[in-house]
């Protein structure tokens, strides 16, 4: 019963401002919005994230312009995430599976990926990440959540991913 009061288990609801996206994070989040280019598309990426219990958790979302190639942009986002984490698929296998959620668009790129890479300091790190897309009127909103840690407990990643509400 004491673990339920642990700061490492203090899950809280977090809303991403100006969107319907909500998530649960296990610590008080930092927030930022940044301009990013995904392919040839300039986007505003909203990010909430925090560090706790040796893990970094983040949830990101962006609304695509009408007519944008959502599958292509999600695929590129996945490749960029793996490259940034220095994942070498020739050395370490990448686990990839469909991420099922009823509210998500049924795109082949709606996946969960688990892999081993390195952080910016060159230390080994595991990543567990999901990507999905939801309809937002005549547009599409992309959603990405990720956990980075030396070891990721399935409960931590599953709580983050199951707590996403687009």
C-alpha atoms as a PDB file:
ATOM      1  CA  UNK A   1       0.000   0.000   0.000  1.00  0.00           C
ATOM      2  CA  UNK A   2       2.933   2.353   0.493  1.00  0.00           C
ATOM      3  CA  UNK A   3       3.848   2.195  -3.210  1.00  0.00           C
ATOM      4  CA  UNK A   4       0.538   3.874  -4.054  1.00  0.00           C
ATOM      5  CA  UNK A   5       1.776   6.975  -2.185  1.00  0.00           C
ATOM      6  CA  UNK A   6       5.236   6.936  -3.738  1.00  0.00           C
ATOM      7  CA  UNK A   7       6.130  10.027  -5.818  1.00  0.00           C
ATOM      8  CA  UNK A   8       7.155   7.586  -8.553  1.00  0.00           C
ATOM      9  CA  UNK A   9       3.539   6.403  -8.753  1.00  0.00           C
ATOM     10  CA  UNK A  10       1.820   9.812  -8.622  1.00  0.00           C
ATOM     11  CA  UNK A  11      -0.021   9.601 -11.946  1.00  0.00           C
ATOM     12  CA  UNK A  12      -1.895  12.774 -12.889  1.00  0.00           C
ATOM     13  CA  UNK A  13      -4.147  13.844 -15.739  1.00  0.00           C
ATOM     14  CA  UNK A  14      -2.577  16.291 -18.158  1.00  0.00           C
ATOM     15  CA  UNK A  15      -4.377  18.157 -20.950  1.00  0.00           C
ATOM     16  CA  UNK A  16      -2.558  19.375 -24.024  1.00  0.00           C
ATOM     17  CA  UNK A  17      -3.829  22.936 -24.395  1.00  0.00           C
ATOM     18  CA  UNK A  18      -6.010  23.787 -27.345  1.00  0.00           C
ATOM     19  CA  UNK A  19      -6.626  20.107 -28.147  1.00  0.00           C
ATOM     20  CA  UNK A  20      -8.858  17.302 -26.950  1.00  0.00           C
ATOM     21  CA  UNK A  21      -5.753  15.205 -26.159  1.00  0.00           C
ATOM     22  CA  UNK A  22      -5.321  14.159 -22.542  1.00  0.00           C
ATOM     23  CA  UNK A  23      -2.705  11.919 -20.990  1.00  0.00           C
ATOM     24  CA  UNK A  24      -1.566  10.606 -17.655  1.00  0.00           C
ATOM     25  CA  UNK A  25       1.983  11.344 -16.531  1.00  0.00           C
ATOM     26  CA  UNK A  26       3.589  10.153 -13.337  1.00  0.00           C
ATOM     27  CA  UNK A  27       5.157  13.514 -12.531  1.00  0.00           C
ATOM     28  CA  UNK A  28       4.489  17.229 -12.963  1.00  0.00           C
ATOM     29  CA  UNK A  29       5.097  17.918 -16.646  1.00  0.00           C
ATOM     30  CA  UNK A  30       7.152  20.513 -18.411  1.00  0.00           C
ATOM     31  CA  UNK A  31       5.373  21.963 -21.440  1.00  0.00           C
ATOM     32  CA  UNK A  32       6.606  23.407 -24.685  1.00  0.00           C
ATOM     33  CA  UNK A  33       5.468  24.114 -28.200  1.00  0.00           C
ATOM     34  CA  UNK A  34       8.004  24.066 -30.998  1.00  0.00           C
ATOM     35  CA  UNK A  35       8.025  24.603 -34.706  1.00  0.00           C
ATOM     36  CA  UNK A  36       9.179  21.445 -36.500  1.00  0.00           C
ATOM     37  CA  UNK A  37       9.442  20.309 -40.074  1.00  0.00           C
ATOM     38  CA  UNK A  38       8.115  16.850 -40.809  1.00  0.00           C
ATOM     39  CA  UNK A  39       9.060  16.154 -44.364  1.00  0.00           C
ATOM     40  CA  UNK A  40       8.243  19.357 -46.219  1.00  0.00           C
ATOM     41  CA  UNK A  41       5.444  20.284 -43.796  1.00  0.00           C
ATOM     42  CA  UNK A  42       6.015  22.985 -41.144  1.00  0.00           C
ATOM     43  CA  UNK A  43       4.086  22.078 -37.988  1.00  0.00           C
ATOM     44  CA  UNK A  44       3.541  23.278 -34.445  1.00  0.00           C
ATOM     45  CA  UNK A  45       4.381  20.393 -32.090  1.00  0.00           C
ATOM     46  CA  UNK A  46       2.974  20.496 -28.575  1.00  0.00           C
ATOM     47  CA  UNK A  47       4.987  18.516 -26.004  1.00  0.00           C
ATOM     48  CA  UNK A  48       4.403  17.605 -22.359  1.00  0.00           C
ATOM     49  CA  UNK A  49       6.926  15.504 -20.518  1.00  0.00           C
ATOM     50  CA  UNK A  50       8.677  14.784 -17.276  1.00  0.00           C
ATOM     51  CA  UNK A  51      11.370  12.665 -15.646  1.00  0.00           C
ATOM     52  CA  UNK A  52      10.711  10.316 -12.745  1.00  0.00           C
ATOM     53  CA  UNK A  53      12.130   7.089 -11.381  1.00  0.00           C
ATOM     54  CA  UNK A  54      14.976   7.228 -13.915  1.00  0.00           C
ATOM     55  CA  UNK A  55      12.578   7.457 -16.854  1.00  0.00           C
ATOM     56  CA  UNK A  56      11.683  10.221 -19.291  1.00  0.00           C
ATOM     57  CA  UNK A  57       8.026  10.249 -20.391  1.00  0.00           C
ATOM     58  CA  UNK A  58       6.653  12.486 -23.125  1.00  0.00           C
ATOM     59  CA  UNK A  59       3.452  12.994 -25.061  1.00  0.00           C
ATOM     60  CA  UNK A  60       3.423  15.002 -28.288  1.00  0.00           C
ATOM     61  CA  UNK A  61       0.726  16.084 -30.701  1.00  0.00           C
ATOM     62  CA  UNK A  62       0.370  18.142 -33.850  1.00  0.00           C
ATOM     63  CA  UNK A  63      -2.496  18.956 -36.162  1.00  0.00           C
ATOM     64  CA  UNK A  64      -1.772  18.414 -39.844  1.00  0.00           C
ATOM     65  CA  UNK A  65      -2.920  20.802 -42.533  1.00  0.00           C
ATOM     66  CA  UNK A  66      -5.873  19.573 -44.608  1.00  0.00           C
ATOM     67  CA  UNK A  67      -4.732  17.064 -47.231  1.00  0.00           C
ATOM     68  CA  UNK A  68      -1.383  16.280 -45.568  1.00  0.00           C
ATOM     69  CA  UNK A  69      -0.007  12.744 -45.902  1.00  0.00           C
ATOM     70  CA  UNK A  70      -0.658  11.445 -42.361  1.00  0.00           C
ATOM     71  CA  UNK A  71       0.769   7.935 -42.963  1.00  0.00           C
ATOM     72  CA  UNK A  72       3.931   9.318 -44.558  1.00  0.00           C
ATOM     73  CA  UNK A  73       4.453  11.878 -41.800  1.00  0.00           C
ATOM     74  CA  UNK A  74       3.912   9.256 -39.051  1.00  0.00           C
ATOM     75  CA  UNK A  75       6.372   6.894 -40.731  1.00  0.00           C
ATOM     76  CA  UNK A  76       8.945   9.691 -40.945  1.00  0.00           C
ATOM     77  CA  UNK A  77       8.341  10.577 -37.281  1.00  0.00           C
ATOM     78  CA  UNK A  78       8.977   6.961 -36.297  1.00  0.00           C
ATOM     79  CA  UNK A  79      12.250   6.860 -38.271  1.00  0.00           C
ATOM     80  CA  UNK A  80      13.379  10.174 -36.756  1.00  0.00           C
ATOM     81  CA  UNK A  81      12.617   8.948 -33.221  1.00  0.00           C
ATOM     82  CA  UNK A  82      14.679   5.795 -33.753  1.00  0.00           C
ATOM     83  CA  UNK A  83      17.536   7.789 -35.297  1.00  0.00           C
ATOM     84  CA  UNK A  84      17.528  10.312 -32.432  1.00  0.00           C
ATOM     85  CA  UNK A  85      17.712   7.426 -29.945  1.00  0.00           C
ATOM     86  CA  UNK A  86      20.601   5.958 -31.945  1.00  0.00           C
ATOM     87  CA  UNK A  87      18.773   2.683 -32.480  1.00  0.00           C
ATOM     88  CA  UNK A  88      20.864   0.374 -34.668  1.00  0.00           C
ATOM     89  CA  UNK A  89      18.497  -2.257 -36.072  1.00  0.00           C
ATOM     90  CA  UNK A  90      21.462  -4.259 -37.401  1.00  0.00           C
ATOM     91  CA  UNK A  91      22.668  -4.793 -33.810  1.00  0.00           C
ATOM     92  CA  UNK A  92      19.484  -4.824 -31.740  1.00  0.00           C
ATOM     93  CA  UNK A  93      16.076  -6.064 -32.860  1.00  0.00           C
ATOM     94  CA  UNK A  94      13.186  -3.603 -32.991  1.00  0.00           C
ATOM     95  CA  UNK A  95       9.843  -4.901 -31.754  1.00  0.00           C
ATOM     96  CA  UNK A  96       6.953  -3.403 -33.684  1.00  0.00           C
ATOM     97  CA  UNK A  97       3.273  -4.196 -33.292  1.00  0.00           C
ATOM     98  CA  UNK A  98      -0.069  -2.660 -34.180  1.00  0.00           C
ATOM     99  CA  UNK A  99      -1.363  -0.313 -31.482  1.00  0.00           C
ATOM    100  CA  UNK A 100      -5.114  -0.870 -31.202  1.00  0.00           C
ATOM    101  CA  UNK A 101      -7.327   1.946 -29.943  1.00  0.00           C
ATOM    102  CA  UNK A 102     -10.945   2.361 -31.106  1.00  0.00           C
ATOM    103  CA  UNK A 103     -10.722   6.154 -31.448  1.00  0.00           C
ATOM    104  CA  UNK A 104      -7.629   6.075 -33.685  1.00  0.00           C
ATOM    105  CA  UNK A 105      -7.700   6.108 -37.458  1.00  0.00           C
ATOM    106  CA  UNK A 106      -6.943   2.628 -38.856  1.00  0.00           C
ATOM    107  CA  UNK A 107      -3.562   3.472 -40.398  1.00  0.00           C
ATOM    108  CA  UNK A 108      -0.783   0.897 -40.821  1.00  0.00           C
ATOM    109  CA  UNK A 109       1.563   3.360 -39.079  1.00  0.00           C
ATOM    110  CA  UNK A 110      -0.474   3.242 -35.830  1.00  0.00           C
ATOM    111  CA  UNK A 111       2.114   1.174 -34.001  1.00  0.00           C
ATOM    112  CA  UNK A 112       3.978   0.505 -30.784  1.00  0.00           C
ATOM    113  CA  UNK A 113       7.749   0.210 -31.112  1.00  0.00           C
ATOM    114  CA  UNK A 114      10.183  -1.062 -28.469  1.00  0.00           C
ATOM    115  CA  UNK A 115      13.922  -0.842 -29.061  1.00  0.00           C
ATOM    116  CA  UNK A 116      17.314  -0.360 -27.432  1.00  0.00           C
ATOM    117  CA  UNK A 117      19.336   2.712 -28.286  1.00  0.00           C
ATOM    118  CA  UNK A 118      21.540   5.326 -26.667  1.00  0.00           C
ATOM    119  CA  UNK A 119      20.841   8.654 -25.027  1.00  0.00           C
ATOM    120  CA  UNK A 120      22.699  11.884 -25.823  1.00  0.00           C
ATOM    121  CA  UNK A 121      25.463  10.889 -23.367  1.00  0.00           C
ATOM    122  CA  UNK A 122      26.030   7.563 -25.162  1.00  0.00           C
ATOM    123  CA  UNK A 123      24.483   5.451 -22.401  1.00  0.00           C
ATOM    124  CA  UNK A 124      22.213   2.526 -23.258  1.00  0.00           C
ATOM    125  CA  UNK A 125      18.528   3.372 -23.107  1.00  0.00           C
ATOM    126  CA  UNK A 126      15.344   1.512 -23.916  1.00  0.00           C
ATOM    127  CA  UNK A 127      12.480   3.209 -25.673  1.00  0.00           C
ATOM    128  CA  UNK A 128       8.845   2.202 -25.773  1.00  0.00           C
ATOM    129  CA  UNK A 129       6.753   4.415 -28.042  1.00  0.00           C
ATOM    130  CA  UNK A 130       3.363   4.650 -29.740  1.00  0.00           C
ATOM    131  CA  UNK A 131       2.033   6.687 -32.638  1.00  0.00           C
ATOM    132  CA  UNK A 132      -1.539   7.237 -33.715  1.00  0.00           C
ATOM    133  CA  UNK A 133      -3.805   9.620 -35.583  1.00  0.00           C
ATOM    134  CA  UNK A 134      -7.315  10.907 -34.925  1.00  0.00           C
ATOM    135  CA  UNK A 135      -9.748  12.857 -37.047  1.00  0.00           C
ATOM    136  CA  UNK A 136      -9.960  16.541 -36.103  1.00  0.00           C
ATOM    137  CA  UNK A 137     -12.729  17.921 -38.314  1.00  0.00           C
ATOM    138  CA  UNK A 138     -11.352  17.955 -41.860  1.00  0.00           C
ATOM    139  CA  UNK A 139      -7.826  17.527 -40.530  1.00  0.00           C
ATOM    140  CA  UNK A 140      -5.812  14.821 -38.824  1.00  0.00           C
ATOM    141  CA  UNK A 141      -4.101  15.101 -35.438  1.00  0.00           C
ATOM    142  CA  UNK A 142      -0.996  12.962 -34.875  1.00  0.00           C
ATOM    143  CA  UNK A 143      -0.244  11.723 -31.359  1.00  0.00           C
ATOM    144  CA  UNK A 144       3.016  10.234 -30.078  1.00  0.00           C
ATOM    145  CA  UNK A 145       3.914   9.033 -26.577  1.00  0.00           C
ATOM    146  CA  UNK A 146       7.261   7.629 -25.492  1.00  0.00           C
ATOM    147  CA  UNK A 147       9.145   6.342 -22.476  1.00  0.00           C
ATOM    148  CA  UNK A 148      12.951   6.376 -22.361  1.00  0.00           C
ATOM    149  CA  UNK A 149      14.739   4.609 -19.498  1.00  0.00           C
ATOM    150  CA  UNK A 150      17.615   2.203 -18.816  1.00  0.00           C
ATOM    151  CA  UNK A 151      14.884  -0.363 -18.038  1.00  0.00           C
ATOM    152  CA  UNK A 152      11.203   0.217 -18.703  1.00  0.00           C
ATOM    153  CA  UNK A 153       8.616  -1.490 -16.567  1.00  0.00           C
ATOM    154  CA  UNK A 154       5.681  -2.686 -18.670  1.00  0.00           C
ATOM    155  CA  UNK A 155       3.315  -1.134 -16.112  1.00  0.00           C
ATOM    156  CA  UNK A 156       4.830   2.328 -16.605  1.00  0.00           C
ATOM    157  CA  UNK A 157       4.616   2.250 -20.403  1.00  0.00           C
ATOM    158  CA  UNK A 158       1.165   0.632 -20.443  1.00  0.00           C
ATOM    159  CA  UNK A 159      -0.215   3.185 -17.976  1.00  0.00           C
ATOM    160  CA  UNK A 160       1.095   6.043 -20.133  1.00  0.00           C
ATOM    161  CA  UNK A 161      -0.235   4.567 -23.382  1.00  0.00           C
ATOM    162  CA  UNK A 162      -3.564   3.381 -21.955  1.00  0.00           C
ATOM    163  CA  UNK A 163      -4.097   6.806 -20.369  1.00  0.00           C
ATOM    164  CA  UNK A 164      -3.968   8.639 -23.717  1.00  0.00           C
ATOM    165  CA  UNK A 165      -7.333  10.056 -24.666  1.00  0.00           C
ATOM    166  CA  UNK A 166      -7.365  11.739 -28.074  1.00  0.00           C
END
